[in-house]
Amino acid sequence: MEEREELSWQEFGAASRELAQAVADDGFRPGVVLSIARGGLLLAGALGYALDVKSIVMMNVLYYTGVDERLEAPVVLRPTPDGEDLAGARVLIADDVADTGATLRVVRDFCVAHASEVRIAVLYEKPQSVVPCEYVWRRTDRWINFPWSAEPPVTSA
């Protein structure tokens, strides 16, 4: 089995704080944090608190179906944010990983059509990502075990 990147809950706390500090040090003051569900939900909340941003919205995009298995193209699931909620806003997109970048591209393009400025913060960025992220905690080419998805669900759908 290939070696994997491991992120603990404690490291997640430090990583999210470091990302928030990088955003603040850069002078970017988002009015909205947009989470890509599900992986970006916890990061978006942490960034929202650290950056004192109360407006957090979510986009749910289906792309991965398993470890290194994905659909042909990302599919945006409903509900989607109202473009008016992003009109003229400075938006910080939050996700756990920029792997291929396909999901981030769909979300970024949606935001760019409405917002005044859009930047991306991720915990991890992989070298093959087609979308460069402004704020990255760590770069890796390995599969990542996140603490919120390392265990199987306690129930099945």
Protein backbone atom coordinates (compact mmCIF):
# COMPACT_ATOMS: atom_id res chain seq x y z
CA MET A 1 0.00 0.00 0.00
CA GLU A 2 1.32 3.42 -0.93
CA GLU A 3 2.33 5.84 1.79
CA ARG A 4 -0.35 8.41 2.59
CA GLU A 5 -0.39 11.89 4.01
CA GLU A 6 -2.02 11.83 7.47
CA LEU A 7 -3.78 14.84 8.98
CA SER A 8 -4.79 14.68 12.63
CA TRP A 9 -7.46 16.79 14.31
CA GLN A 10 -4.74 18.68 16.16
CA GLU A 11 -2.83 19.37 12.94
CA PHE A 12 -6.09 20.50 11.31
CA GLY A 13 -6.51 23.11 14.03
CA ALA A 14 -3.01 24.45 13.50
CA ALA A 15 -3.31 24.26 9.69
CA SER A 16 -6.58 26.18 9.54
CA ARG A 17 -5.16 28.87 11.80
CA GLU A 18 -2.01 29.14 9.66
CA LEU A 19 -4.13 29.48 6.51
CA ALA A 20 -6.23 32.20 8.13
CA GLN A 21 -3.06 34.03 9.15
CA ALA A 22 -1.74 33.80 5.58
CA VAL A 23 -4.98 35.34 4.28
CA ALA A 24 -4.83 38.13 6.87
CA ASP A 25 -1.12 38.78 6.26
CA ASP A 26 -1.87 39.07 2.54
CA GLY A 27 -4.37 41.85 3.27
CA PHE A 28 -7.31 39.95 1.79
CA ARG A 29 -10.50 40.62 3.75
CA PRO A 30 -13.21 38.27 2.50
CA GLY A 31 -16.84 39.15 3.05
CA VAL A 32 -17.91 35.58 2.31
CA VAL A 33 -16.30 32.19 2.86
CA LEU A 34 -17.61 29.63 0.39
CA SER A 35 -17.22 26.03 1.45
CA ILE A 36 -16.99 23.18 -1.02
CA ALA A 37 -18.89 20.35 0.63
CA ARG A 38 -18.13 18.06 2.11
CA GLY A 39 -14.38 18.30 2.51
CA GLY A 40 -14.26 22.07 2.84
CA LEU A 41 -17.01 22.43 5.45
CA LEU A 42 -14.81 22.25 8.53
CA LEU A 43 -12.10 24.43 7.01
CA ALA A 44 -14.66 27.07 6.01
CA GLY A 45 -15.99 27.22 9.56
CA ALA A 46 -12.50 27.50 11.03
CA LEU A 47 -11.53 30.22 8.55
CA GLY A 48 -14.79 32.05 9.18
CA TYR A 49 -14.08 32.23 12.90
CA ALA A 50 -10.39 33.08 12.53
CA LEU A 51 -11.05 35.81 9.95
CA ASP A 52 -14.22 37.07 11.68
CA VAL A 53 -16.36 36.37 8.60
CA LYS A 54 -19.96 35.59 9.49
CA SER A 55 -21.24 34.93 5.97
CA ILE A 56 -20.48 31.33 5.08
CA VAL A 57 -22.14 29.67 2.09
CA MET A 58 -21.76 26.21 0.63
CA MET A 59 -21.63 24.49 -2.73
CA ASN A 60 -21.93 20.73 -2.88
CA VAL A 61 -20.02 19.27 -5.80
CA LEU A 62 -19.95 15.53 -6.54
CA TYR A 63 -16.76 14.36 -8.19
CA TYR A 64 -15.00 11.66 -6.16
CA THR A 65 -16.62 8.25 -5.86
CA GLY A 66 -13.75 6.50 -4.05
CA VAL A 67 -10.01 6.59 -3.48
CA ASP A 68 -8.64 8.10 -6.70
CA GLU A 69 -11.95 7.30 -8.44
CA ARG A 70 -14.04 10.10 -9.88
CA LEU A 71 -16.81 10.97 -12.28
CA GLU A 72 -15.98 12.20 -15.76
CA ALA A 73 -16.72 15.78 -14.67
CA PRO A 74 -17.77 17.47 -11.42
CA VAL A 75 -21.52 17.75 -10.84
CA VAL A 76 -22.91 20.68 -8.82
CA LEU A 77 -25.69 19.51 -6.53
CA ARG A 78 -28.56 21.67 -5.29
CA PRO A 79 -29.02 23.93 -3.51
CA THR A 80 -26.50 26.33 -4.99
CA PRO A 81 -25.77 29.78 -3.56
CA ASP A 82 -27.77 32.62 -5.00
CA GLY A 83 -25.53 34.71 -7.21
CA GLU A 84 -27.00 37.82 -5.56
CA ASP A 85 -25.53 36.68 -2.23
CA LEU A 86 -22.09 36.91 -3.81
CA ALA A 87 -22.69 40.06 -5.87
CA GLY A 88 -19.76 42.41 -5.43
CA ALA A 89 -18.34 40.36 -2.54
CA ARG A 90 -14.78 39.31 -1.86
CA VAL A 91 -15.08 35.51 -1.68
CA LEU A 92 -12.67 33.05 -0.12
CA ILE A 93 -13.29 29.51 -1.39
CA ALA A 94 -12.35 26.84 1.17
CA ASP A 95 -11.69 23.18 0.39
CA ASP A 96 -9.67 20.36 1.84
CA VAL A 97 -7.58 19.57 -1.24
CA ALA A 98 -6.85 20.83 -4.74
CA ASP A 99 -6.28 17.46 -6.39
CA THR A 100 -7.11 17.69 -10.09
CA GLY A 101 -8.53 21.17 -9.56
CA ALA A 102 -11.66 20.33 -11.57
CA THR A 103 -14.04 20.94 -8.67
CA LEU A 104 -12.30 24.17 -7.72
CA ARG A 105 -12.49 25.37 -11.33
CA VAL A 106 -16.28 24.86 -11.42
CA VAL A 107 -16.77 26.67 -8.11
CA ARG A 108 -14.31 29.46 -8.92
CA ASP A 109 -15.96 30.10 -12.28
CA PHE A 110 -19.37 30.31 -10.58
CA CYS A 111 -18.02 32.81 -8.05
CA VAL A 112 -16.12 34.91 -10.59
CA ALA A 113 -19.39 35.47 -12.47
CA HIS A 114 -20.84 37.23 -9.40
CA ALA A 115 -18.15 38.33 -6.94
CA SER A 116 -15.75 41.27 -7.10
CA GLU A 117 -12.74 39.15 -6.07
CA VAL A 118 -12.23 35.41 -5.56
CA ARG A 119 -9.36 33.60 -3.87
CA ILE A 120 -8.89 29.98 -2.82
CA ALA A 121 -7.60 28.47 0.43
CA VAL A 122 -6.89 24.74 0.71
CA LEU A 123 -5.21 22.51 3.22
CA TYR A 124 -3.41 20.57 0.49
CA GLU A 125 -2.52 21.26 -3.13
CA LYS A 126 -1.30 18.55 -5.49
CA PRO A 127 1.07 19.25 -8.39
CA GLN A 128 -1.48 18.24 -11.04
CA SER A 129 -4.13 20.77 -9.95
CA VAL A 130 -5.27 22.89 -12.90
CA VAL A 131 -6.25 25.67 -10.51
CA PRO A 132 -3.50 27.44 -8.61
CA CYS A 133 -4.57 28.29 -5.05
CA GLU A 134 -3.60 31.54 -3.36
CA TYR A 135 -3.38 30.00 0.12
CA VAL A 136 -2.00 26.49 0.66
CA TRP A 137 -1.02 24.90 3.95
CA ARG A 138 0.90 21.96 2.47
CA ARG A 139 1.74 20.50 -0.94
CA THR A 140 1.79 16.76 -1.58
CA ASP A 141 1.42 14.21 -4.35
CA ARG A 142 0.10 11.52 -1.99
CA TRP A 143 -3.45 10.50 -1.08
CA ILE A 144 -4.53 12.26 2.12
CA ASN A 145 -6.27 10.71 5.11
CA PHE A 146 -8.37 13.44 6.70
CA PRO A 147 -9.56 12.90 10.28
CA TRP A 148 -13.21 13.40 9.31
CA SER A 149 -13.17 10.77 6.56
CA ALA A 150 -10.55 8.25 7.74
CA GLU A 151 -13.17 5.98 9.33
CA PRO A 152 -16.09 4.37 7.49
CA PRO A 153 -19.60 5.75 8.13
CA VAL A 154 -21.32 4.46 11.26
CA THR A 155 -24.41 3.71 9.19
CA SER A 156 -25.16 3.03 5.56
CA ALA A 157 -27.58 5.01 3.43
